């Protein structure tokens, strides 16, 4: 619902100069006055916040996994070299 509201506000702002915002209560936050309209439009939805958190958690995990895999490749190469020397 919040995303629908944000899209409606964005379209309305584009068509008209600015709608007059008296007050809004969204996700436990109160927005009072027309100067808060941009802040209200910028509020992310629950799904967008969850996606951001997942992306932030996924990036370090990918880094750790790639470092572990590269370390395994180095160890494998060293063991192959030692095996060939015997």
N, C-alpha and C. Protein backbone atom coordinates (compact mmCIF):
# COMPACT_ATOMS: atom_id res chain seq x y z
N UNK A 1 0.82 -1.19 0.00
CA UNK A 1 0.00 0.00 0.00
C UNK A 1 0.87 1.26 0.00
N UNK A 2 1.97 1.21 0.74
CA UNK A 2 2.84 2.37 0.79
C UNK A 2 3.43 2.67 -0.57
N UNK A 3 3.82 1.63 -1.30
CA UNK A 3 4.38 1.83 -2.63
C UNK A 3 3.36 2.46 -3.56
N UNK A 4 2.11 2.01 -3.45
CA UNK A 4 1.03 2.60 -4.26
C UNK A 4 0.86 4.08 -3.93
N UNK A 5 0.90 4.40 -2.64
CA UNK A 5 0.77 5.79 -2.20
C UNK A 5 1.94 6.64 -2.73
N UNK A 6 3.14 6.09 -2.65
CA UNK A 6 4.31 6.82 -3.15
C UNK A 6 4.21 7.07 -4.65
N UNK A 7 3.81 6.06 -5.39
CA UNK A 7 3.67 6.23 -6.84
C UNK A 7 2.62 7.27 -7.16
N UNK A 8 1.51 7.25 -6.43
CA UNK A 8 0.46 8.25 -6.64
C UNK A 8 0.97 9.65 -6.36
N UNK A 9 1.74 9.79 -5.28
CA UNK A 9 2.30 11.10 -4.95
C UNK A 9 3.28 11.58 -6.01
N UNK A 10 4.12 10.67 -6.50
CA UNK A 10 5.10 11.06 -7.52
C UNK A 10 4.41 11.53 -8.79
N UNK A 11 3.37 10.80 -9.20
CA UNK A 11 2.62 11.18 -10.40
C UNK A 11 1.94 12.53 -10.19
N UNK A 12 1.36 12.72 -9.01
CA UNK A 12 0.67 13.97 -8.71
C UNK A 12 1.64 15.15 -8.69
N UNK A 13 2.84 14.93 -8.15
CA UNK A 13 3.83 16.00 -8.11
C UNK A 13 4.29 16.37 -9.50
N UNK A 14 4.40 15.36 -10.39
CA UNK A 14 4.82 15.64 -11.76
C UNK A 14 3.75 16.42 -12.53
N UNK A 15 2.49 16.05 -12.35
CA UNK A 15 1.41 16.72 -13.07
C UNK A 15 1.17 18.13 -12.57
N UNK A 16 1.15 18.27 -11.28
CA UNK A 16 0.90 19.57 -10.66
C UNK A 16 2.19 20.02 -9.99
N UNK A 17 2.26 21.27 -9.68
CA UNK A 17 3.48 21.76 -9.05
C UNK A 17 3.75 21.00 -7.76
N UNK A 18 2.88 21.10 -6.81
CA UNK A 18 2.99 20.33 -5.58
C UNK A 18 1.63 20.30 -4.92
N UNK A 19 1.20 19.14 -4.48
CA UNK A 19 -0.03 19.13 -3.69
C UNK A 19 0.26 19.66 -2.29
N UNK A 20 -0.75 20.19 -1.67
CA UNK A 20 -0.57 20.72 -0.33
C UNK A 20 -0.75 19.57 0.65
N UNK A 21 0.27 19.32 1.43
CA UNK A 21 0.23 18.25 2.42
C UNK A 21 -0.01 18.87 3.79
N UNK A 22 -1.12 18.52 4.37
CA UNK A 22 -1.42 19.02 5.72
C UNK A 22 -0.72 18.14 6.74
N UNK A 23 -0.99 16.83 6.68
CA UNK A 23 -0.35 15.88 7.59
C UNK A 23 -0.54 14.48 7.06
N UNK A 24 0.40 13.60 7.42
CA UNK A 24 0.30 12.20 7.02
C UNK A 24 0.88 11.34 8.12
N UNK A 25 0.29 10.18 8.32
CA UNK A 25 0.78 9.21 9.29
C UNK A 25 1.05 7.91 8.55
N UNK A 26 2.34 7.57 8.39
CA UNK A 26 2.72 6.40 7.63
C UNK A 26 3.79 5.64 8.40
N UNK A 27 3.56 4.35 8.60
CA UNK A 27 4.52 3.47 9.25
C UNK A 27 5.06 4.07 10.55
N UNK A 28 4.18 4.42 11.42
CA UNK A 28 4.51 4.94 12.75
C UNK A 28 5.29 6.26 12.71
N UNK A 29 5.21 6.99 11.63
CA UNK A 29 5.86 8.29 11.50
C UNK A 29 4.82 9.33 11.11
N UNK A 30 4.98 10.53 11.63
CA UNK A 30 4.05 11.61 11.32
C UNK A 30 4.79 12.64 10.47
N UNK A 31 4.15 13.03 9.37
CA UNK A 31 4.69 14.04 8.47
C UNK A 31 3.71 15.21 8.47
N UNK A 32 4.18 16.38 8.91
CA UNK A 32 3.31 17.55 9.01
C UNK A 32 3.88 18.65 8.13
N UNK A 33 3.06 19.17 7.24
CA UNK A 33 3.45 20.30 6.41
C UNK A 33 3.90 19.90 5.02
N UNK A 34 3.78 20.85 4.11
CA UNK A 34 4.12 20.60 2.71
C UNK A 34 5.61 20.35 2.52
N UNK A 35 6.45 20.86 3.42
CA UNK A 35 7.89 20.65 3.28
C UNK A 35 8.29 19.20 3.54
N UNK A 36 7.42 18.41 4.11
CA UNK A 36 7.69 17.00 4.39
C UNK A 36 7.28 16.07 3.25
N UNK A 37 6.76 16.62 2.17
CA UNK A 37 6.28 15.81 1.06
C UNK A 37 7.40 14.99 0.42
N UNK A 38 8.54 15.58 0.20
CA UNK A 38 9.66 14.85 -0.40
C UNK A 38 10.13 13.72 0.51
N UNK A 39 10.14 13.95 1.81
CA UNK A 39 10.52 12.90 2.76
C UNK A 39 9.52 11.76 2.72
N UNK A 40 8.25 12.09 2.58
CA UNK A 40 7.21 11.06 2.51
C UNK A 40 7.34 10.24 1.24
N UNK A 41 7.66 10.87 0.14
CA UNK A 41 7.84 10.14 -1.12
C UNK A 41 9.07 9.23 -1.04
N UNK A 42 10.10 9.66 -0.31
CA UNK A 42 11.35 8.90 -0.25
C UNK A 42 11.31 7.71 0.70
N UNK A 43 10.28 7.57 1.51
CA UNK A 43 10.19 6.44 2.45
C UNK A 43 10.12 5.14 1.67
N UNK A 44 10.97 4.18 2.05
CA UNK A 44 11.00 2.90 1.36
C UNK A 44 9.94 1.97 1.93
N UNK A 45 9.43 1.09 1.10
CA UNK A 45 8.44 0.13 1.54
C UNK A 45 9.13 -1.00 2.31
N UNK A 46 8.33 -1.84 2.95
CA UNK A 46 8.86 -2.95 3.73
C UNK A 46 9.65 -3.90 2.84
N UNK A 47 9.13 -4.20 1.67
CA UNK A 47 9.81 -5.12 0.75
C UNK A 47 11.14 -4.55 0.27
N UNK A 48 11.18 -3.24 0.02
CA UNK A 48 12.43 -2.61 -0.41
C UNK A 48 13.47 -2.65 0.71
N UNK A 49 13.05 -2.44 1.95
CA UNK A 49 13.98 -2.51 3.08
C UNK A 49 14.51 -3.92 3.28
N UNK A 50 13.64 -4.91 3.13
CA UNK A 50 14.08 -6.30 3.26
C UNK A 50 15.09 -6.63 2.16
N UNK A 51 14.84 -6.19 0.95
CA UNK A 51 15.77 -6.43 -0.16
C UNK A 51 17.12 -5.76 0.11
N UNK A 52 17.11 -4.56 0.68
CA UNK A 52 18.36 -3.87 1.01
C UNK A 52 19.16 -4.65 2.06
N UNK A 53 18.48 -5.15 3.09
CA UNK A 53 19.16 -5.91 4.14
C UNK A 53 19.74 -7.20 3.59
N UNK A 54 18.98 -7.89 2.76
CA UNK A 54 19.46 -9.13 2.15
C UNK A 54 20.68 -8.86 1.28
N UNK A 55 20.65 -7.79 0.52
CA UNK A 55 21.79 -7.44 -0.34
C UNK A 55 23.02 -7.10 0.49
N UNK A 56 22.81 -6.38 1.61
CA UNK A 56 23.95 -6.05 2.47
C UNK A 56 24.54 -7.28 3.13
N UNK A 57 23.72 -8.26 3.47
CA UNK A 57 24.21 -9.49 4.08
C UNK A 57 24.85 -10.41 3.06
N UNK A 58 24.34 -10.40 1.85
CA UNK A 58 24.83 -11.30 0.81
C UNK A 58 26.24 -10.92 0.33
N UNK A 59 26.52 -9.64 0.26
CA UNK A 59 27.81 -9.19 -0.27
C UNK A 59 28.99 -9.69 0.56
N UNK A 60 28.99 -9.51 1.88
CA UNK A 60 30.13 -10.04 2.66
C UNK A 60 30.23 -11.57 2.60
N UNK A 61 29.10 -12.25 2.55
CA UNK A 61 29.14 -13.72 2.46
C UNK A 61 29.79 -14.15 1.16
N UNK A 62 29.47 -13.48 0.07
CA UNK A 62 30.09 -13.81 -1.22
C UNK A 62 31.59 -13.57 -1.19
N UNK A 63 32.00 -12.51 -0.52
CA UNK A 63 33.43 -12.20 -0.41
C UNK A 63 34.15 -13.29 0.38
N UNK A 64 33.58 -13.69 1.51
CA UNK A 64 34.20 -14.74 2.32
C UNK A 64 34.28 -16.05 1.54
N UNK A 65 33.20 -16.41 0.85
CA UNK A 65 33.21 -17.65 0.08
C UNK A 65 34.24 -17.62 -1.03
N UNK A 66 34.36 -16.50 -1.72
CA UNK A 66 35.36 -16.43 -2.80
C UNK A 66 36.77 -16.49 -2.24
N UNK A 67 37.00 -15.89 -1.06
CA UNK A 67 38.33 -15.98 -0.45
C UNK A 67 38.65 -17.40 -0.02
N UNK A 68 37.66 -18.09 0.52
CA UNK A 68 37.88 -19.48 0.91
C UNK A 68 38.16 -20.36 -0.30
N UNK A 69 37.45 -20.11 -1.39
CA UNK A 69 37.67 -20.90 -2.60
C UNK A 69 39.04 -20.63 -3.19
N UNK A 70 39.49 -19.38 -3.16
CA UNK A 70 40.81 -19.08 -3.72
C UNK A 70 41.90 -19.69 -2.85
N UNK A 71 41.68 -19.69 -1.53
CA UNK A 71 42.65 -20.34 -0.64
C UNK A 71 42.71 -21.82 -0.89
N UNK A 72 41.57 -22.44 -1.15
CA UNK A 72 41.54 -23.87 -1.46
C UNK A 72 42.27 -24.17 -2.76
N UNK A 73 42.15 -23.29 -3.73
CA UNK A 73 42.85 -23.48 -5.01
C UNK A 73 44.36 -23.39 -4.82
N UNK A 74 44.80 -22.47 -3.96
CA UNK A 74 46.24 -22.32 -3.70
C UNK A 74 46.78 -23.57 -3.01
N UNK A 75 46.06 -24.05 -2.01
CA UNK A 75 46.49 -25.25 -1.29
C UNK A 75 46.51 -26.45 -2.24
N UNK A 76 45.51 -26.54 -3.10
CA UNK A 76 45.46 -27.64 -4.06
C UNK A 76 46.66 -27.56 -5.01
N UNK A 77 47.01 -26.38 -5.44
CA UNK A 77 48.16 -26.21 -6.32
C UNK A 77 49.45 -26.59 -5.64
N UNK A 78 49.61 -26.22 -4.37
CA UNK A 78 50.82 -26.57 -3.62
C UNK A 78 50.91 -28.08 -3.45
N UNK A 79 49.80 -28.72 -3.12
CA UNK A 79 49.82 -30.17 -2.94
C UNK A 79 50.13 -30.89 -4.25
N UNK A 80 49.60 -30.40 -5.36
CA UNK A 80 49.91 -31.00 -6.67
C UNK A 80 51.39 -30.86 -6.99
N UNK A 81 51.97 -29.71 -6.67
CA UNK A 81 53.40 -29.48 -6.93
C UNK A 81 54.25 -30.41 -6.08
N UNK A 82 53.89 -30.58 -4.81
CA UNK A 82 54.62 -31.48 -3.94
C UNK A 82 54.49 -32.94 -4.41
N UNK A 83 53.32 -33.30 -4.91
CA UNK A 83 53.09 -34.64 -5.40
C UNK A 83 53.94 -34.93 -6.63
N UNK A 84 54.10 -33.93 -7.50
CA UNK A 84 54.90 -34.12 -8.71
C UNK A 84 56.38 -34.23 -8.37
N UNK A 85 56.83 -33.58 -7.31
CA UNK A 85 58.25 -33.63 -6.94
C UNK A 85 58.64 -35.01 -6.43
N UNK A 86 57.69 -35.74 -5.85
CA UNK A 86 58.02 -37.08 -5.33
C UNK A 86 58.11 -38.04 -6.44
